[in-house]
Protein backbone atom coordinates (compact mmCIF):
# COMPACT_ATOMS: atom_id res chain seq x y z
CA UNK A 1 -175.38 -168.74 -117.83
CA UNK A 2 -175.62 -171.94 -119.87
CA UNK A 3 -172.96 -173.42 -122.09
CA UNK A 4 -173.87 -173.43 -125.80
CA UNK A 5 -173.90 -177.24 -125.91
CA UNK A 6 -176.79 -177.20 -123.42
CA UNK A 7 -179.10 -176.64 -126.35
CA UNK A 8 -177.93 -179.87 -127.98
CA UNK A 9 -179.45 -181.90 -125.14
CA UNK A 10 -182.25 -183.80 -126.95
CA UNK A 11 -184.63 -183.99 -124.02
CA UNK A 12 -187.02 -181.04 -123.75
CA UNK A 13 -188.74 -179.71 -120.67
CA UNK A 14 -192.06 -180.88 -122.05
CA UNK A 15 -190.80 -184.44 -122.54
CA UNK A 16 -189.18 -184.45 -119.13
CA UNK A 17 -192.42 -183.34 -117.50
CA UNK A 18 -194.49 -186.01 -119.24
CA UNK A 19 -195.61 -188.67 -116.81
CA UNK A 20 -194.37 -186.73 -113.77
CA UNK A 21 -197.61 -187.18 -111.87
CA UNK A 22 -197.31 -190.94 -112.20
CA UNK A 23 -193.68 -190.76 -111.06
CA UNK A 24 -194.70 -188.80 -107.97
CA UNK A 25 -196.98 -191.65 -106.97
CA UNK A 26 -194.28 -194.18 -107.76
CA UNK A 27 -191.79 -192.47 -105.44
CA UNK A 28 -194.22 -191.92 -102.55
CA UNK A 29 -193.61 -191.33 -99.69
CA UNK A 30 -190.21 -190.03 -100.91
CA UNK A 31 -191.82 -187.94 -103.65
CA UNK A 32 -190.59 -184.62 -104.97
CA UNK A 33 -190.40 -181.80 -102.43
CA UNK A 34 -191.56 -179.41 -105.15
CA UNK A 35 -193.32 -180.61 -108.27
CA UNK A 36 -192.95 -177.15 -109.82
CA UNK A 37 -189.18 -177.31 -109.26
CA UNK A 38 -188.77 -180.94 -110.28
CA UNK A 39 -190.16 -180.55 -113.79
CA UNK A 40 -187.36 -178.16 -114.81
CA UNK A 41 -184.24 -179.32 -116.65
CA UNK A 42 -182.23 -176.43 -115.24
CA UNK A 43 -182.47 -174.29 -112.12
CA UNK A 44 -180.63 -171.12 -111.25
CA UNK A 45 -179.97 -171.05 -107.50
CA UNK A 46 -178.90 -167.74 -105.95
CA UNK A 47 -177.73 -167.63 -102.33
CA UNK A 48 -176.72 -164.47 -100.50
CA UNK A 49 -176.29 -163.22 -96.96
CA UNK A 50 -175.90 -159.69 -95.63
CA UNK A 51 -174.16 -161.16 -92.57
CA UNK A 52 -170.92 -161.84 -94.45
CA UNK A 53 -171.65 -160.30 -97.84
CA UNK A 54 -171.23 -163.71 -99.46
CA UNK A 55 -173.05 -164.37 -102.71
CA UNK A 56 -173.11 -167.64 -104.64
CA UNK A 57 -175.01 -168.32 -107.83
CA UNK A 58 -175.02 -171.72 -109.48
CA UNK A 59 -176.68 -173.40 -112.42
CA UNK A 60 -178.09 -176.76 -111.45
CA UNK A 61 -179.00 -179.33 -114.07
CA UNK A 62 -181.84 -181.74 -113.37
CA UNK A 63 -183.15 -184.89 -115.04
CA UNK A 64 -186.57 -185.71 -113.55
CA UNK A 65 -186.87 -188.84 -115.67
CA UNK A 66 -184.37 -190.67 -113.41
CA UNK A 67 -186.43 -189.96 -110.29
CA UNK A 68 -184.98 -189.26 -106.84
CA UNK A 69 -181.32 -188.61 -107.80
CA UNK A 70 -182.23 -186.31 -110.68
CA UNK A 71 -183.95 -183.42 -108.87
CA UNK A 72 -183.18 -180.87 -106.17
CA UNK A 73 -184.50 -181.59 -102.69
CA UNK A 74 -185.08 -179.09 -99.88
CA UNK A 75 -182.49 -180.63 -97.54
CA UNK A 76 -179.70 -180.14 -100.09
CA UNK A 77 -180.80 -176.56 -100.66
CA UNK A 78 -180.91 -175.91 -96.90
CA UNK A 79 -177.41 -177.33 -96.47
CA UNK A 80 -176.12 -175.15 -99.32
CA UNK A 81 -177.77 -172.08 -97.79
CA UNK A 82 -176.22 -172.81 -94.38
CA UNK A 83 -172.76 -173.11 -95.95
CA UNK A 84 -173.06 -169.72 -97.64
CA UNK A 85 -174.33 -168.08 -94.43
CA UNK A 86 -171.66 -169.76 -92.29
CA UNK A 87 -168.66 -170.85 -94.40
CA UNK A 88 -166.78 -171.74 -91.21
CA UNK A 89 -168.85 -174.93 -91.16
CA UNK A 90 -166.40 -176.10 -93.84
CA UNK A 91 -163.43 -175.19 -91.63
CA UNK A 92 -161.85 -172.10 -90.19
CA UNK A 93 -160.44 -171.16 -93.60
CA UNK A 94 -162.00 -172.64 -96.74
CA UNK A 95 -159.23 -173.03 -99.31
CA UNK A 96 -158.20 -175.43 -102.02
CA UNK A 97 -156.77 -177.52 -99.17
CA UNK A 98 -160.26 -178.08 -97.74
CA UNK A 99 -161.40 -181.45 -99.06
CA UNK A 100 -165.14 -182.06 -99.08
CA UNK A 101 -166.89 -185.34 -99.82
CA UNK A 102 -170.61 -185.35 -100.68
CA UNK A 103 -172.45 -188.63 -100.20
CA UNK A 104 -175.53 -189.47 -102.27
CA UNK A 105 -175.08 -186.18 -104.07
CA UNK A 106 -177.93 -186.39 -106.60
CA UNK A 107 -177.83 -183.00 -108.34
CA UNK A 108 -174.93 -182.03 -106.03
CA UNK A 109 -176.33 -178.64 -104.96
CA UNK A 110 -174.50 -178.65 -101.62
CA UNK A 111 -171.25 -179.94 -103.10
CA UNK A 112 -171.24 -177.37 -105.89
CA UNK A 113 -171.81 -174.56 -103.40
CA UNK A 114 -168.95 -175.86 -101.24
CA UNK A 115 -166.74 -175.74 -104.35
CA UNK A 116 -167.92 -172.20 -105.11
CA UNK A 117 -166.78 -171.29 -101.59
CA UNK A 118 -163.29 -172.56 -102.39
CA UNK A 119 -163.21 -176.24 -101.39
CA UNK A 120 -162.03 -179.22 -103.40
CA UNK A 121 -165.07 -181.46 -103.68
CA UNK A 122 -165.70 -185.09 -104.59
CA UNK A 123 -169.38 -185.74 -105.33
CA UNK A 124 -170.46 -189.37 -105.02
CA UNK A 125 -173.60 -191.28 -105.88
CA UNK A 126 -174.48 -194.79 -107.01
CA UNK A 127 -176.47 -193.44 -109.97
CA UNK A 128 -174.32 -192.81 -113.04
CA UNK A 129 -176.79 -190.39 -114.61
CA UNK A 130 -176.86 -188.29 -111.43
CA UNK A 131 -173.07 -188.15 -111.50
CA UNK A 132 -173.17 -186.94 -115.10
CA UNK A 133 -175.59 -184.20 -114.05
CA UNK A 134 -173.22 -183.16 -111.26
CA UNK A 135 -170.22 -183.17 -113.61
CA UNK A 136 -172.06 -181.13 -116.23
CA UNK A 137 -173.24 -178.62 -113.62
CA UNK A 138 -169.69 -178.24 -112.33
CA UNK A 139 -168.53 -177.54 -115.89
CA UNK A 140 -171.38 -175.08 -116.49
CA UNK A 141 -170.30 -173.17 -113.39
CA UNK A 142 -166.54 -173.38 -114.12
CA UNK A 143 -166.00 -175.19 -110.82
CA UNK A 144 -162.76 -176.95 -111.66
CA UNK A 145 -162.31 -178.23 -108.11
CA UNK A 146 -165.20 -180.69 -108.45
CA UNK A 147 -164.82 -184.35 -109.36
CA UNK A 148 -167.40 -187.12 -109.38
CA UNK A 149 -167.07 -190.75 -108.32
CA UNK A 150 -169.49 -193.64 -108.34
CA UNK A 151 -169.88 -195.16 -104.87
CA UNK A 152 -172.43 -197.74 -103.93
CA UNK A 153 -172.06 -198.11 -100.18
CA UNK A 154 -172.12 -201.89 -100.49
CA UNK A 155 -168.79 -201.55 -102.31
CA UNK A 156 -165.37 -200.56 -101.03
CA UNK A 157 -164.74 -196.83 -100.77
CA UNK A 158 -163.02 -195.39 -103.88
CA UNK A 159 -159.51 -194.08 -103.32
CA UNK A 160 -160.56 -190.58 -104.42
CA UNK A 161 -162.80 -190.31 -101.33
CA UNK A 162 -159.93 -190.63 -98.86
CA UNK A 163 -158.83 -187.63 -96.80
CA UNK A 164 -161.99 -185.53 -96.57
CA UNK A 165 -162.04 -182.79 -93.94
CA UNK A 166 -165.81 -182.40 -94.28
CA UNK A 167 -168.51 -184.80 -95.44
CA UNK A 168 -171.86 -183.49 -96.67
CA UNK A 169 -175.04 -185.58 -96.54
CA UNK A 170 -178.52 -184.33 -97.38
CA UNK A 171 -181.73 -186.35 -97.22
CA UNK A 172 -180.07 -189.73 -97.75
CA UNK A 173 -181.73 -191.71 -94.93
CA UNK A 174 -185.24 -192.64 -95.95
CA UNK A 175 -185.57 -196.41 -95.57
CA UNK A 176 -184.70 -199.02 -92.94
CA UNK A 177 -181.64 -200.31 -94.82
CA UNK A 178 -180.05 -196.84 -95.11
CA UNK A 179 -178.67 -196.39 -91.55
CA UNK A 180 -176.42 -199.45 -91.58
CA UNK A 181 -175.05 -198.75 -95.06
CA UNK A 182 -174.49 -195.04 -94.38
CA UNK A 183 -172.72 -195.76 -91.09
CA UNK A 184 -170.47 -198.23 -92.90
CA UNK A 185 -169.65 -195.58 -95.52
CA UNK A 186 -168.96 -192.92 -92.90
CA UNK A 187 -166.79 -195.27 -90.88
CA UNK A 188 -164.64 -195.75 -93.99
CA UNK A 189 -164.60 -192.13 -95.14
CA UNK A 190 -164.37 -190.12 -91.90
CA UNK A 191 -160.87 -190.07 -90.45
CA UNK A 192 -159.98 -188.53 -87.09
CA UNK A 193 -161.09 -184.89 -86.91
CA UNK A 194 -163.44 -185.18 -89.89
CA UNK A 195 -166.76 -183.29 -89.68
CA UNK A 196 -170.03 -184.60 -91.13
CA UNK A 197 -172.83 -182.11 -91.87
CA UNK A 198 -176.11 -183.96 -92.18
CA UNK A 199 -179.49 -182.41 -93.09
CA UNK A 200 -182.61 -184.52 -93.22
CA UNK A 201 -186.38 -184.24 -93.48
CA UNK A 202 -188.74 -186.21 -91.23
CA UNK A 203 -191.22 -187.30 -93.88
CA UNK A 204 -193.15 -190.03 -92.10
CA UNK A 205 -192.85 -192.48 -89.16
CA UNK A 206 -190.72 -194.91 -91.17
CA UNK A 207 -188.21 -192.20 -92.06
CA UNK A 208 -188.21 -190.98 -88.44
CA UNK A 209 -187.36 -194.50 -87.25
CA UNK A 210 -184.58 -194.82 -89.83
CA UNK A 211 -183.03 -191.49 -88.82
CA UNK A 212 -183.25 -192.34 -85.11
CA UNK A 213 -181.49 -195.62 -85.89
CA UNK A 214 -178.78 -193.76 -87.80
CA UNK A 215 -178.20 -191.20 -85.02
CA UNK A 216 -178.07 -193.94 -82.42
CA UNK A 217 -175.44 -195.81 -84.45
CA UNK A 218 -173.53 -192.59 -85.14
CA UNK A 219 -173.05 -191.98 -81.42
CA UNK A 220 -171.05 -195.22 -81.29
CA UNK A 221 -168.78 -194.15 -84.15
CA UNK A 222 -168.36 -190.40 -83.64
CA UNK A 223 -167.14 -188.49 -80.60
CA UNK A 224 -169.70 -185.75 -81.18
CA UNK A 225 -173.25 -185.92 -82.54
CA UNK A 226 -175.07 -182.61 -82.03
CA UNK A 227 -178.09 -180.87 -83.51
CA UNK A 228 -177.32 -177.52 -85.16
CA UNK A 229 -179.75 -174.64 -85.64
CA UNK A 230 -180.97 -173.88 -89.14
CA UNK A 231 -179.86 -170.29 -88.63
CA UNK A 232 -178.04 -168.30 -89.76
CA UNK A 233 -179.20 -169.16 -93.25
CA UNK A 234 -178.72 -167.24 -96.47
CA UNK A 235 -181.56 -165.88 -98.54
CA UNK A 236 -182.44 -168.25 -101.37
CA UNK A 237 -183.82 -167.55 -104.82
CA UNK A 238 -184.62 -170.40 -107.21
CA UNK A 239 -185.48 -169.74 -110.83
CA UNK A 240 -186.25 -171.80 -113.89
CA UNK A 241 -184.21 -171.58 -117.10
CA UNK A 242 -186.72 -168.98 -118.31
CA UNK A 243 -186.39 -166.89 -115.16
CA UNK A 244 -189.65 -167.89 -113.50
CA UNK A 245 -189.54 -168.07 -109.72
CA UNK A 246 -189.68 -171.54 -108.16
CA UNK A 247 -190.26 -172.61 -104.54
CA UNK A 248 -187.25 -172.79 -102.23
CA UNK A 249 -188.03 -174.33 -98.81
CA UNK A 250 -190.17 -173.63 -95.78
CA UNK A 251 -188.39 -173.88 -92.45
CA UNK A 252 -191.65 -173.34 -90.58
CA UNK A 253 -192.83 -176.89 -91.28
CA UNK A 254 -190.60 -178.18 -88.48
CA UNK A 255 -189.59 -181.21 -90.55
CA UNK A 256 -186.03 -180.20 -91.52
CA UNK A 257 -183.12 -180.81 -89.15
CA UNK A 258 -179.35 -180.43 -89.24
CA UNK A 259 -176.70 -182.37 -87.31
CA UNK A 260 -172.95 -182.17 -87.01
CA UNK A 261 -170.92 -185.31 -86.41
CA UNK A 262 -167.26 -185.15 -85.44
CA UNK A 263 -164.90 -188.13 -85.59
């Protein structure tokens, strides 16, 4: 399930893992959700649900050396699992006419799954190396409906981001400057009728305050801001390149939440 040129990538898993403990400390409190998962250069994510019979399997490239944008986080995995279990979240009929925009995509797990379900997806991030990961993963999975675009929210919205029916956002509010910038980006990107699916993790009091600030501001921009249940959710299996099982997520912690915003 990997393209032959994968093996030409000079960085090895061992080199990527070197210094990871120090990087965890550096990123605290926004450290890796799973150290075991973060040290892998490739993950195989399998999502399935008996409810609809849907099955999605994607290869996800990672680059732990770039930090936060280079690894898979639980919120993105939860959002992807919700989409597989309930594709109607992307619209009543997910087709090539369904345009999805992912903000702060990182490894683009949620965006790639949306593309696997039939949507046209633009994955955005301000980190060029994260965008290359997303582009390579899309190519690995033959997801031709995926494009990537650099977007720093302090800049004007790229033209390719116009016209989204659905916007995906996972774990992208984690500091006090995030709410204002994200609201600015959403105000630009979300036209009338657009849906925003937002999954976040309450990591600490500072993150809680930032998310409360975002939700408060969102109620002034969107006609609907509602919490959604984390069920139904598809079963999730995460494996390393070698086939070893890796942690998925634990919904019993009570720290993961999902919201829907409607313009």
